[in-house]
């Protein structure tokens, strides 16, 4: 299980949203004092593919999703309190079947 914080203190929030797939995936970037960044987002029902430049950790805050990492044969279900990691220069398919999936994405380097 993840220990995702409920809030992040001492950060700057970027007002302009990151909007993907006609508004079905929306996130906002937060910037920490050391310059590191995370995104906080929502995924509405649908199936989407994301590519990664840097390695990422996706922590599910609320809702449910099914994820298939590039190169993997099977999908895994995730719900609130769980996380998955995606290697750099890779990608993943994510599907939300109902409701909204909320997440925190950390960029690992």
PDB file of N, CA and C in Angstrom:
ATOM      1  N   UNK A   1       0.831  -1.189   0.000  1.00  0.00           N
ATOM      2  CA  UNK A   1       0.000   0.000   0.000  1.00  0.00           C
ATOM      3  C   UNK A   1       0.872   1.248   0.000  1.00  0.00           C
ATOM      4  N   UNK A   2       0.374   2.264  -0.596  1.00  0.00           N
ATOM      5  CA  UNK A   2       1.065   3.537  -0.703  1.00  0.00           C
ATOM      6  C   UNK A   2       0.783   4.401   0.518  1.00  0.00           C
ATOM      7  N   UNK A   3       1.685   5.328   0.757  1.00  0.00           N
ATOM      8  CA  UNK A   3       1.451   6.303   1.827  1.00  0.00           C
ATOM      9  C   UNK A   3       1.381   7.692   1.194  1.00  0.00           C
ATOM     10  N   UNK A   4       0.596   7.833   0.141  1.00  0.00           N
ATOM     11  CA  UNK A   4       0.448   9.090  -0.557  1.00  0.00           C
ATOM     12  C   UNK A   4      -0.072  10.159   0.394  1.00  0.00           C
ATOM     13  N   UNK A   5       0.640  11.284   0.499  1.00  0.00           N
ATOM     14  CA  UNK A   5       0.150  12.361   1.366  1.00  0.00           C
ATOM     15  C   UNK A   5      -1.205  12.888   0.891  1.00  0.00           C
ATOM     16  N   UNK A   6      -1.982  13.403   1.807  1.00  0.00           N
ATOM     17  CA  UNK A   6      -3.260  14.006   1.478  1.00  0.00           C
ATOM     18  C   UNK A   6      -3.095  15.432   0.971  1.00  0.00           C
ATOM     19  N   UNK A   7      -1.949  16.037   1.281  1.00  0.00           N
ATOM     20  CA  UNK A   7      -1.649  17.379   0.788  1.00  0.00           C
ATOM     21  C   UNK A   7      -0.145  17.555   0.730  1.00  0.00           C
ATOM     22  N   UNK A   8       0.289  18.547  -0.043  1.00  0.00           N
ATOM     23  CA  UNK A   8       1.702  18.851  -0.204  1.00  0.00           C
ATOM     24  C   UNK A   8       1.917  20.297   0.230  1.00  0.00           C
ATOM     25  N   UNK A   9       2.719  20.504   1.268  1.00  0.00           N
ATOM     26  CA  UNK A   9       2.981  21.851   1.778  1.00  0.00           C
ATOM     27  C   UNK A   9       4.196  22.456   1.083  1.00  0.00           C
ATOM     28  N   UNK A  10       4.221  23.774   0.964  1.00  0.00           N
ATOM     29  CA  UNK A  10       5.380  24.492   0.462  1.00  0.00           C
ATOM     30  C   UNK A  10       5.653  24.310  -1.014  1.00  0.00           C
ATOM     31  N   UNK A  11       4.613  24.071  -1.800  1.00  0.00           N
ATOM     32  CA  UNK A  11       4.796  23.889  -3.242  1.00  0.00           C
ATOM     33  C   UNK A  11       4.167  25.039  -4.009  1.00  0.00           C
ATOM     34  N   UNK A  12       4.586  25.168  -5.258  1.00  0.00           N
ATOM     35  CA  UNK A  12       3.940  26.106  -6.175  1.00  0.00           C
ATOM     36  C   UNK A  12       3.080  25.284  -7.125  1.00  0.00           C
ATOM     37  N   UNK A  13       1.884  25.748  -7.398  1.00  0.00           N
ATOM     38  CA  UNK A  13       0.984  25.064  -8.320  1.00  0.00           C
ATOM     39  C   UNK A  13       0.961  25.814  -9.645  1.00  0.00           C
ATOM     40  N   UNK A  14       1.076  25.079 -10.734  1.00  0.00           N
ATOM     41  CA  UNK A  14       0.980  25.661 -12.068  1.00  0.00           C
ATOM     42  C   UNK A  14      -0.502  25.748 -12.417  1.00  0.00           C
ATOM     43  N   UNK A  15      -0.976  26.936 -12.695  1.00  0.00           N
ATOM     44  CA  UNK A  15      -2.410  27.139 -12.926  1.00  0.00           C
ATOM     45  C   UNK A  15      -2.901  26.488 -14.217  1.00  0.00           C
ATOM     46  N   UNK A  16      -2.089  26.501 -15.254  1.00  0.00           N
ATOM     47  CA  UNK A  16      -2.498  25.927 -16.538  1.00  0.00           C
ATOM     48  C   UNK A  16      -2.527  24.414 -16.435  1.00  0.00           C
ATOM     49  N   UNK A  17      -3.674  23.823 -16.759  1.00  0.00           N
ATOM     50  CA  UNK A  17      -3.837  22.373 -16.695  1.00  0.00           C
ATOM     51  C   UNK A  17      -3.156  21.688 -17.862  1.00  0.00           C
ATOM     52  N   UNK A  18      -2.754  20.447 -17.641  1.00  0.00           N
ATOM     53  CA  UNK A  18      -2.302  19.543 -18.695  1.00  0.00           C
ATOM     54  C   UNK A  18      -3.548  18.760 -19.111  1.00  0.00           C
ATOM     55  N   UNK A  19      -4.011  18.943 -20.328  1.00  0.00           N
ATOM     56  CA  UNK A  19      -5.259  18.322 -20.777  1.00  0.00           C
ATOM     57  C   UNK A  19      -4.953  17.367 -21.918  1.00  0.00           C
ATOM     58  N   UNK A  20      -5.376  16.105 -21.760  1.00  0.00           N
ATOM     59  CA  UNK A  20      -5.125  15.071 -22.755  1.00  0.00           C
ATOM     60  C   UNK A  20      -6.438  14.402 -23.151  1.00  0.00           C
ATOM     61  N   UNK A  21      -6.442  13.807 -24.337  1.00  0.00           N
ATOM     62  CA  UNK A  21      -7.570  12.986 -24.788  1.00  0.00           C
ATOM     63  C   UNK A  21      -8.905  13.714 -24.652  1.00  0.00           C
ATOM     64  N   UNK A  22      -8.971  14.919 -25.248  1.00  0.00           N
ATOM     65  CA  UNK A  22     -10.207  15.708 -25.263  1.00  0.00           C
ATOM     66  C   UNK A  22     -10.777  15.946 -23.869  1.00  0.00           C
ATOM     67  N   UNK A  23      -9.898  16.138 -22.900  1.00  0.00           N
ATOM     68  CA  UNK A  23     -10.325  16.459 -21.536  1.00  0.00           C
ATOM     69  C   UNK A  23     -10.650  15.258 -20.672  1.00  0.00           C
ATOM     70  N   UNK A  24     -10.383  14.049 -21.149  1.00  0.00           N
ATOM     71  CA  UNK A  24     -10.676  12.857 -20.349  1.00  0.00           C
ATOM     72  C   UNK A  24      -9.572  12.537 -19.354  1.00  0.00           C
ATOM     73  N   UNK A  25      -8.420  13.178 -19.529  1.00  0.00           N
ATOM     74  CA  UNK A  25      -7.327  13.097 -18.557  1.00  0.00           C
ATOM     75  C   UNK A  25      -6.837  14.529 -18.343  1.00  0.00           C
ATOM     76  N   UNK A  26      -6.867  14.974 -17.090  1.00  0.00           N
ATOM     77  CA  UNK A  26      -6.487  16.349 -16.752  1.00  0.00           C
ATOM     78  C   UNK A  26      -5.596  16.310 -15.517  1.00  0.00           C
ATOM     79  N   UNK A  27      -4.484  17.056 -15.564  1.00  0.00           N
ATOM     80  CA  UNK A  27      -3.626  17.134 -14.388  1.00  0.00           C
ATOM     81  C   UNK A  27      -3.095  18.549 -14.213  1.00  0.00           C
ATOM     82  N   UNK A  28      -2.614  18.805 -13.018  1.00  0.00           N
ATOM     83  CA  UNK A  28      -1.923  20.056 -12.698  1.00  0.00           C
ATOM     84  C   UNK A  28      -0.562  19.697 -12.125  1.00  0.00           C
ATOM     85  N   UNK A  29       0.427  20.496 -12.468  1.00  0.00           N
ATOM     86  CA  UNK A  29       1.791  20.293 -11.989  1.00  0.00           C
ATOM     87  C   UNK A  29       1.999  21.076 -10.705  1.00  0.00           C
ATOM     88  N   UNK A  30       2.672  20.423  -9.748  1.00  0.00           N
ATOM     89  CA  UNK A  30       3.127  21.132  -8.555  1.00  0.00           C
ATOM     90  C   UNK A  30       4.650  21.067  -8.550  1.00  0.00           C
ATOM     91  N   UNK A  31       5.279  22.158  -8.095  1.00  0.00           N
ATOM     92  CA  UNK A  31       6.730  22.277  -8.101  1.00  0.00           C
ATOM     93  C   UNK A  31       7.199  22.448  -6.656  1.00  0.00           C
ATOM     94  N   UNK A  32       8.117  21.599  -6.250  1.00  0.00           N
ATOM     95  CA  UNK A  32       8.656  21.628  -4.896  1.00  0.00           C
ATOM     96  C   UNK A  32       9.818  22.615  -4.813  1.00  0.00           C
ATOM     97  N   UNK A  33      10.174  23.055  -3.597  1.00  0.00           N
ATOM     98  CA  UNK A  33      11.262  24.024  -3.449  1.00  0.00           C
ATOM     99  C   UNK A  33      12.577  23.581  -4.095  1.00  0.00           C
ATOM    100  N   UNK A  34      12.833  22.270  -4.175  1.00  0.00           N
ATOM    101  CA  UNK A  34      14.073  21.781  -4.778  1.00  0.00           C
ATOM    102  C   UNK A  34      13.986  21.695  -6.310  1.00  0.00           C
ATOM    103  N   UNK A  35      12.840  22.095  -6.880  1.00  0.00           N
ATOM    104  CA  UNK A  35      12.655  22.073  -8.322  1.00  0.00           C
ATOM    105  C   UNK A  35      12.022  20.802  -8.860  1.00  0.00           C
ATOM    106  N   UNK A  36      11.879  19.780  -8.019  1.00  0.00           N
ATOM    107  CA  UNK A  36      11.234  18.548  -8.477  1.00  0.00           C
ATOM    108  C   UNK A  36       9.743  18.793  -8.691  1.00  0.00           C
ATOM    109  N   UNK A  37       9.126  17.946  -9.511  1.00  0.00           N
ATOM    110  CA  UNK A  37       7.722  18.142  -9.887  1.00  0.00           C
ATOM    111  C   UNK A  37       6.930  16.853  -9.725  1.00  0.00           C
ATOM    112  N   UNK A  38       5.652  17.030  -9.498  1.00  0.00           N
ATOM    113  CA  UNK A  38       4.668  15.953  -9.514  1.00  0.00           C
ATOM    114  C   UNK A  38       3.463  16.492 -10.266  1.00  0.00           C
ATOM    115  N   UNK A  39       2.645  15.593 -10.762  1.00  0.00           N
ATOM    116  CA  UNK A  39       1.359  16.021 -11.299  1.00  0.00           C
ATOM    117  C   UNK A  39       0.256  15.348 -10.497  1.00  0.00           C
ATOM    118  N   UNK A  40      -0.834  16.086 -10.306  1.00  0.00           N
ATOM    119  CA  UNK A  40      -2.023  15.599  -9.615  1.00  0.00           C
ATOM    120  C   UNK A  40      -3.132  15.587 -10.653  1.00  0.00           C
ATOM    121  N   UNK A  41      -3.755  14.431 -10.860  1.00  0.00           N
ATOM    122  CA  UNK A  41      -4.687  14.382 -11.972  1.00  0.00           C
ATOM    123  C   UNK A  41      -5.901  13.502 -11.784  1.00  0.00           C
ATOM    124  N   UNK A  42      -6.764  13.604 -12.800  1.00  0.00           N
ATOM    125  CA  UNK A  42      -8.009  12.857 -12.891  1.00  0.00           C
ATOM    126  C   UNK A  42      -8.050  12.143 -14.224  1.00  0.00           C
ATOM    127  N   UNK A  43      -8.542  10.901 -14.200  1.00  0.00           N
ATOM    128  CA  UNK A  43      -8.759  10.149 -15.434  1.00  0.00           C
ATOM    129  C   UNK A  43     -10.219   9.727 -15.455  1.00  0.00           C
ATOM    130  N   UNK A  44     -10.932  10.167 -16.480  1.00  0.00           N
ATOM    131  CA  UNK A  44     -12.338   9.810 -16.661  1.00  0.00           C
ATOM    132  C   UNK A  44     -12.418   8.485 -17.410  1.00  0.00           C
ATOM    133  N   UNK A  45     -13.580   7.848 -17.453  1.00  0.00           N
ATOM    134  CA  UNK A  45     -13.686   6.549 -18.121  1.00  0.00           C
ATOM    135  C   UNK A  45     -13.169   6.576 -19.558  1.00  0.00           C
ATOM    136  N   UNK A  46     -12.426   5.522 -19.885  1.00  0.00           N
ATOM    137  CA  UNK A  46     -11.849   5.353 -21.204  1.00  0.00           C
ATOM    138  C   UNK A  46     -10.556   4.574 -21.098  1.00  0.00           C
ATOM    139  N   UNK A  47      -9.938   4.331 -22.251  1.00  0.00           N
ATOM    140  CA  UNK A  47      -8.656   3.635 -22.305  1.00  0.00           C
ATOM    141  C   UNK A  47      -7.669   4.544 -23.025  1.00  0.00           C
ATOM    142  N   UNK A  48      -6.491   4.755 -22.401  1.00  0.00           N
ATOM    143  CA  UNK A  48      -5.531   5.730 -22.891  1.00  0.00           C
ATOM    144  C   UNK A  48      -4.122   5.147 -22.846  1.00  0.00           C
ATOM    145  N   UNK A  49      -3.264   5.595 -23.759  1.00  0.00           N
ATOM    146  CA  UNK A  49      -1.856   5.185 -23.749  1.00  0.00           C
ATOM    147  C   UNK A  49      -0.986   6.415 -23.475  1.00  0.00           C
ATOM    148  N   UNK A  50      -0.045   6.254 -22.565  1.00  0.00           N
ATOM    149  CA  UNK A  50       0.917   7.309 -22.249  1.00  0.00           C
ATOM    150  C   UNK A  50       2.327   6.788 -22.458  1.00  0.00           C
ATOM    151  N   UNK A  51       3.165   7.597 -23.053  1.00  0.00           N
ATOM    152  CA  UNK A  51       4.583   7.311 -23.162  1.00  0.00           C
ATOM    153  C   UNK A  51       5.315   8.045 -22.058  1.00  0.00           C
ATOM    154  N   UNK A  52       6.466   7.529 -21.665  1.00  0.00           N
ATOM    155  CA  UNK A  52       7.252   8.171 -20.616  1.00  0.00           C
ATOM    156  C   UNK A  52       8.624   8.567 -21.151  1.00  0.00           C
ATOM    157  N   UNK A  53       9.079   9.705 -20.724  1.00  0.00           N
ATOM    158  CA  UNK A  53      10.459  10.099 -20.977  1.00  0.00           C
ATOM    159  C   UNK A  53      11.273   9.680 -19.761  1.00  0.00           C
ATOM    160  N   UNK A  54      10.871  10.187 -18.599  1.00  0.00           N
ATOM    161  CA  UNK A  54      11.495   9.811 -17.333  1.00  0.00           C
ATOM    162  C   UNK A  54      10.699   8.671 -16.700  1.00  0.00           C
ATOM    163  N   UNK A  55      11.343   7.943 -15.791  1.00  0.00           N
ATOM    164  CA  UNK A  55      10.632   6.927 -15.016  1.00  0.00           C
ATOM    165  C   UNK A  55       9.576   7.623 -14.159  1.00  0.00           C
ATOM    166  N   UNK A  56       8.444   6.957 -13.950  1.00  0.00           N
ATOM    167  CA  UNK A  56       7.336   7.545 -13.196  1.00  0.00           C
ATOM    168  C   UNK A  56       6.802   6.569 -12.156  1.00  0.00           C
ATOM    169  N   UNK A  57       6.291   7.147 -11.076  1.00  0.00           N
ATOM    170  CA  UNK A  57       5.541   6.395 -10.075  1.00  0.00           C
ATOM    171  C   UNK A  57       4.131   6.961 -10.064  1.00  0.00           C
ATOM    172  N   UNK A  58       3.154   6.125 -10.328  1.00  0.00           N
ATOM    173  CA  UNK A  58       1.748   6.536 -10.332  1.00  0.00           C
ATOM    174  C   UNK A  58       1.083   5.986  -9.078  1.00  0.00           C
ATOM    175  N   UNK A  59       0.656   6.895  -8.201  1.00  0.00           N
ATOM    176  CA  UNK A  59      -0.022   6.510  -6.967  1.00  0.00           C
ATOM    177  C   UNK A  59      -1.504   6.808  -7.131  1.00  0.00           C
ATOM    178  N   UNK A  60      -2.329   5.815  -6.932  1.00  0.00           N
ATOM    179  CA  UNK A  60      -3.768   5.976  -7.091  1.00  0.00           C
ATOM    180  C   UNK A  60      -4.343   6.506  -5.780  1.00  0.00           C
ATOM    181  N   UNK A  61      -4.983   7.668  -5.867  1.00  0.00           N
ATOM    182  CA  UNK A  61      -5.529   8.347  -4.691  1.00  0.00           C
ATOM    183  C   UNK A  61      -6.986   7.941  -4.459  1.00  0.00           C
ATOM    184  N   UNK A  62      -7.745   7.788  -5.539  1.00  0.00           N
ATOM    185  CA  UNK A  62      -9.165   7.412  -5.448  1.00  0.00           C
ATOM    186  C   UNK A  62      -9.569   6.741  -6.752  1.00  0.00           C
ATOM    187  N   UNK A  63     -10.539   5.856  -6.671  1.00  0.00           N
ATOM    188  CA  UNK A  63     -11.043   5.184  -7.855  1.00  0.00           C
ATOM    189  C   UNK A  63     -10.264   3.929  -8.182  1.00  0.00           C
ATOM    190  N   UNK A  64     -10.485   3.435  -9.399  1.00  0.00           N
ATOM    191  CA  UNK A  64      -9.900   2.179  -9.856  1.00  0.00           C
ATOM    192  C   UNK A  64      -9.415   2.330 -11.287  1.00  0.00           C
ATOM    193  N   UNK A  65      -8.395   1.560 -11.651  1.00  0.00           N
ATOM    194  CA  UNK A  65      -7.917   1.533 -13.034  1.00  0.00           C
ATOM    195  C   UNK A  65      -7.270   0.184 -13.308  1.00  0.00           C
ATOM    196  N   UNK A  66      -7.114  -0.103 -14.587  1.00  0.00           N
ATOM    197  CA  UNK A  66      -6.402  -1.287 -15.045  1.00  0.00           C
ATOM    198  C   UNK A  66      -5.240  -0.799 -15.892  1.00  0.00           C
ATOM    199  N   UNK A  67      -4.055  -1.341 -15.631  1.00  0.00           N
ATOM    200  CA  UNK A  67      -2.835  -0.855 -16.283  1.00  0.00           C
ATOM    201  C   UNK A  67      -2.090  -2.014 -16.928  1.00  0.00           C
ATOM    202  N   UNK A  68      -1.614  -1.775 -18.141  1.00  0.00           N
ATOM    203  CA  UNK A  68      -0.730  -2.714 -18.832  1.00  0.00           C
ATOM    204  C   UNK A  68       0.516  -1.947 -19.253  1.00  0.00           C
ATOM    205  N   UNK A  69       1.639  -2.300 -18.641  1.00  0.00           N
ATOM    206  CA  UNK A  69       2.910  -1.669 -18.982  1.00  0.00           C
ATOM    207  C   UNK A  69       3.376  -2.160 -20.344  1.00  0.00           C
ATOM    208  N   UNK A  70       3.999  -1.292 -21.122  1.00  0.00           N
ATOM    209  CA  UNK A  70       4.561  -1.701 -22.406  1.00  0.00           C
ATOM    210  C   UNK A  70       5.474  -2.910 -22.189  1.00  0.00           C
ATOM    211  N   UNK A  71       5.336  -3.898 -23.053  1.00  0.00           N
ATOM    212  CA  UNK A  71       6.178  -5.081 -22.972  1.00  0.00           C
ATOM    213  C   UNK A  71       5.660  -6.170 -22.052  1.00  0.00           C
ATOM    214  N   UNK A  72       4.623  -5.892 -21.292  1.00  0.00           N
ATOM    215  CA  UNK A  72       4.046  -6.889 -20.391  1.00  0.00           C
ATOM    216  C   UNK A  72       2.889  -7.597 -21.076  1.00  0.00           C
ATOM    217  N   UNK A  73       2.669  -8.840 -20.730  1.00  0.00           N
ATOM    218  CA  UNK A  73       1.611  -9.627 -21.358  1.00  0.00           C
ATOM    219  C   UNK A  73       0.250  -9.401 -20.716  1.00  0.00           C
ATOM    220  N   UNK A  74       0.237  -9.067 -19.443  1.00  0.00           N
ATOM    221  CA  UNK A  74      -1.046  -8.961 -18.749  1.00  0.00           C
ATOM    222  C   UNK A  74      -1.240  -7.593 -18.104  1.00  0.00           C
ATOM    223  N   UNK A  75      -2.494  -7.313 -17.785  1.00  0.00           N
ATOM    224  CA  UNK A  75      -2.875  -6.067 -17.120  1.00  0.00           C
ATOM    225  C   UNK A  75      -3.031  -6.322 -15.629  1.00  0.00           C
ATOM    226  N   UNK A  76      -2.901  -5.248 -14.845  1.00  0.00           N
ATOM    227  CA  UNK A  76      -3.043  -5.328 -13.386  1.00  0.00           C
ATOM    228  C   UNK A  76      -4.054  -4.273 -12.956  1.00  0.00           C
ATOM    229  N   UNK A  77      -4.924  -4.630 -12.016  1.00  0.00           N
ATOM    230  CA  UNK A  77      -5.907  -3.695 -11.460  1.00  0.00           C
ATOM    231  C   UNK A  77      -5.306  -2.967 -10.265  1.00  0.00           C
ATOM    232  N   UNK A  78      -5.583  -1.660 -10.185  1.00  0.00           N
ATOM    233  CA  UNK A  78      -5.111  -0.834  -9.075  1.00  0.00           C
ATOM    234  C   UNK A  78      -6.281  -0.043  -8.518  1.00  0.00           C
ATOM    235  N   UNK A  79      -6.224   0.218  -7.224  1.00  0.00           N
ATOM    236  CA  UNK A  79      -7.245   1.051  -6.578  1.00  0.00           C
ATOM    237  C   UNK A  79      -6.563   1.956  -5.568  1.00  0.00           C
ATOM    238  N   UNK A  80      -7.359   2.795  -4.917  1.00  0.00           N
ATOM    239  CA  UNK A  80      -6.835   3.787  -3.979  1.00  0.00           C
ATOM    240  C   UNK A  80      -5.842   3.152  -3.005  1.00  0.00           C
ATOM    241  N   UNK A  81      -4.702   3.830  -2.829  1.00  0.00           N
ATOM    242  CA  UNK A  81      -3.669   3.368  -1.913  1.00  0.00           C
ATOM    243  C   UNK A  81      -2.619   2.491  -2.575  1.00  0.00           C
ATOM    244  N   UNK A  82      -2.805   2.165  -3.847  1.00  0.00           N
ATOM    245  CA  UNK A  82      -1.836   1.340  -4.550  1.00  0.00           C
ATOM    246  C   UNK A  82      -1.054   2.178  -5.553  1.00  0.00           C
ATOM    247  N   UNK A  83       0.075   1.645  -6.018  1.00  0.00           N
ATOM    248  CA  UNK A  83       0.905   2.369  -6.976  1.00  0.00           C
ATOM    249  C   UNK A  83       1.526   1.407  -7.968  1.00  0.00           C
ATOM    250  N   UNK A  84       1.983   1.990  -9.079  1.00  0.00           N
ATOM    251  CA  UNK A  84       2.778   1.229 -10.034  1.00  0.00           C
ATOM    252  C   UNK A  84       3.864   2.152 -10.565  1.00  0.00           C
ATOM    253  N   UNK A  85       4.957   1.542 -11.046  1.00  0.00           N
ATOM    254  CA  UNK A  85       6.060   2.315 -11.601  1.00  0.00           C
ATOM    255  C   UNK A  85       6.246   1.966 -13.066  1.00  0.00           C
ATOM    256  N   UNK A  86       6.618   2.978 -13.833  1.00  0.00           N
ATOM    257  CA  UNK A  86       6.804   2.846 -15.273  1.00  0.00           C
ATOM    258  C   UNK A  86       8.252   3.217 -15.584  1.00  0.00           C
ATOM    259  N   UNK A  87       8.984   2.352 -16.287  1.00  0.00           N
ATOM    260  CA  UNK A  87      10.374   2.689 -16.621  1.00  0.00           C
ATOM    261  C   UNK A  87      10.475   3.886 -17.563  1.00  0.00           C
ATOM    262  N   UNK A  88      11.619   4.534 -17.545  1.00  0.00           N
ATOM    263  CA  UNK A  88      11.899   5.628 -18.483  1.00  0.00           C
ATOM    264  C   UNK A  88      11.860   5.099 -19.911  1.00  0.00           C
ATOM    265  N   UNK A  89      11.525   5.990 -20.847  1.00  0.00           N
ATOM    266  CA  UNK A  89      11.504   5.654 -22.278  1.00  0.00           C
ATOM    267  C   UNK A  89      10.618   4.438 -22.538  1.00  0.00           C
ATOM    268  N   UNK A  90       9.467   4.409 -21.889  1.00  0.00           N
ATOM    269  CA  UNK A  90       8.541   3.287 -21.998  1.00  0.00           C
ATOM    270  C   UNK A  90       7.131   3.850 -22.129  1.00  0.00           C
ATOM    271  N   UNK A  91       6.158   3.131 -21.606  1.00  0.00           N
ATOM    272  CA  UNK A  91       4.792   3.616 -21.641  1.00  0.00           C
ATOM    273  C   UNK A  91       3.842   2.621 -21.010  1.00  0.00           C
ATOM    274  N   UNK A  92       2.576   2.993 -21.010  1.00  0.00           N
ATOM    275  CA  UNK A  92       1.562   2.119 -20.417  1.00  0.00           C
ATOM    276  C   UNK A  92       0.183   2.473 -20.958  1.00  0.00           C
ATOM    277  N   UNK A  93      -0.683   1.466 -20.961  1.00  0.00           N
ATOM    278  CA  UNK A  93      -2.104   1.651 -21.231  1.00  0.00           C
ATOM    279  C   UNK A  93      -2.799   1.704 -19.891  1.00  0.00           C
ATOM    280  N   UNK A  94      -3.717   2.639 -19.745  1.00  0.00           N
ATOM    281  CA  UNK A  94      -4.504   2.732 -18.520  1.00  0.00           C
ATOM    282  C   UNK A  94      -5.969   2.824 -18.897  1.00  0.00           C
ATOM    283  N   UNK A  95      -6.795   2.048 -18.205  1.00  0.00           N
ATOM    284  CA  UNK A  95      -8.225   2.041 -18.476  1.00  0.00           C
ATOM    285  C   UNK A  95      -8.998   2.282 -17.184  1.00  0.00           C
ATOM    286  N   UNK A  96      -9.945   3.202 -17.277  1.00  0.00           N
ATOM    287  CA  UNK A  96     -10.880   3.456 -16.186  1.00  0.00           C
ATOM    288  C   UNK A  96     -12.250   3.061 -16.725  1.00  0.00           C
ATOM    289  N   UNK A  97     -12.886   2.106 -16.064  1.00  0.00           N
ATOM    290  CA  UNK A  97     -14.155   1.593 -16.573  1.00  0.00           C
ATOM    291  C   UNK A  97     -15.349   2.396 -16.085  1.00  0.00           C
ATOM    292  N   UNK A  98     -15.260   2.941 -14.879  1.00  0.00           N
ATOM    293  CA  UNK A  98     -16.360   3.754 -14.357  1.00  0.00           C
ATOM    294  C   UNK A  98     -15.837   4.711 -13.299  1.00  0.00           C
ATOM    295  N   UNK A  99     -16.566   5.796 -13.094  1.00  0.00           N
ATOM    296  CA  UNK A  99     -16.152   6.790 -12.108  1.00  0.00           C
ATOM    297  C   UNK A  99     -14.922   7.547 -12.574  1.00  0.00           C
ATOM    298  N   UNK A 100     -14.211   8.109 -11.621  1.00  0.00           N
ATOM    299  CA  UNK A 100     -13.003   8.888 -11.895  1.00  0.00           C
ATOM    300  C   UNK A 100     -11.859   8.285 -11.099  1.00  0.00           C
ATOM    301  N   UNK A 101     -10.721   8.140 -11.731  1.00  0.00           N
ATOM    302  CA  UNK A 101      -9.506   7.684 -11.059  1.00  0.00           C
ATOM    303  C   UNK A 101      -8.647   8.917 -10.794  1.00  0.00           C
ATOM    304  N   UNK A 102      -8.273   9.138  -9.547  1.00  0.00           N
ATOM    305  CA  UNK A 102      -7.421  10.255  -9.167  1.00  0.00           C
ATOM    306  C   UNK A 102      -6.019   9.722  -8.876  1.00  0.00           C
ATOM    307  N   UNK A 103      -5.001  10.485  -9.286  1.00  0.00           N
ATOM    308  CA  UNK A 103      -3.638   9.991  -9.127  1.00  0.00           C
ATOM    309  C   UNK A 103      -2.659  11.115  -8.798  1.00  0.00           C
ATOM    310  N   UNK A 104      -1.496  10.690  -8.277  1.00  0.00           N
ATOM    311  CA  UNK A 104      -0.326  11.539  -8.126  1.00  0.00           C
ATOM    312  C   UNK A 104       0.783  10.870  -8.919  1.00  0.00           C
ATOM    313  N   UNK A 105       1.370  11.605  -9.851  1.00  0.00           N
ATOM    314  CA  UNK A 105       2.469  11.084 -10.661  1.00  0.00           C
ATOM    315  C   UNK A 105       3.767  11.753 -10.207  1.00  0.00           C
ATOM    316  N   UNK A 106       4.737  10.922  -9.805  1.00  0.00           N
ATOM    317  CA  UNK A 106       6.066  11.410  -9.430  1.00  0.00           C
ATOM    318  C   UNK A 106       7.048  11.043 -10.526  1.00  0.00           C
ATOM    319  N   UNK A 107       7.913  11.981 -10.893  1.00  0.00           N
ATOM    320  CA  UNK A 107       8.920  11.747 -11.913  1.00  0.00           C
ATOM    321  C   UNK A 107      10.197  11.327 -11.197  1.00  0.00           C
ATOM    322  N   UNK A 108      10.704  10.135 -11.522  1.00  0.00           N
ATOM    323  CA  UNK A 108      11.746   9.518 -10.718  1.00  0.00           C
ATOM    324  C   UNK A 108      13.172   9.819 -11.167  1.00  0.00           C
ATOM    325  N   UNK A 109      13.406  10.311 -12.342  1.00  0.00           N
ATOM    326  CA  UNK A 109      14.718  10.765 -12.840  1.00  0.00           C
ATOM    327  C   UNK A 109      15.036  10.268 -14.192  1.00  0.00           C
TER     328      UNK A 109
END
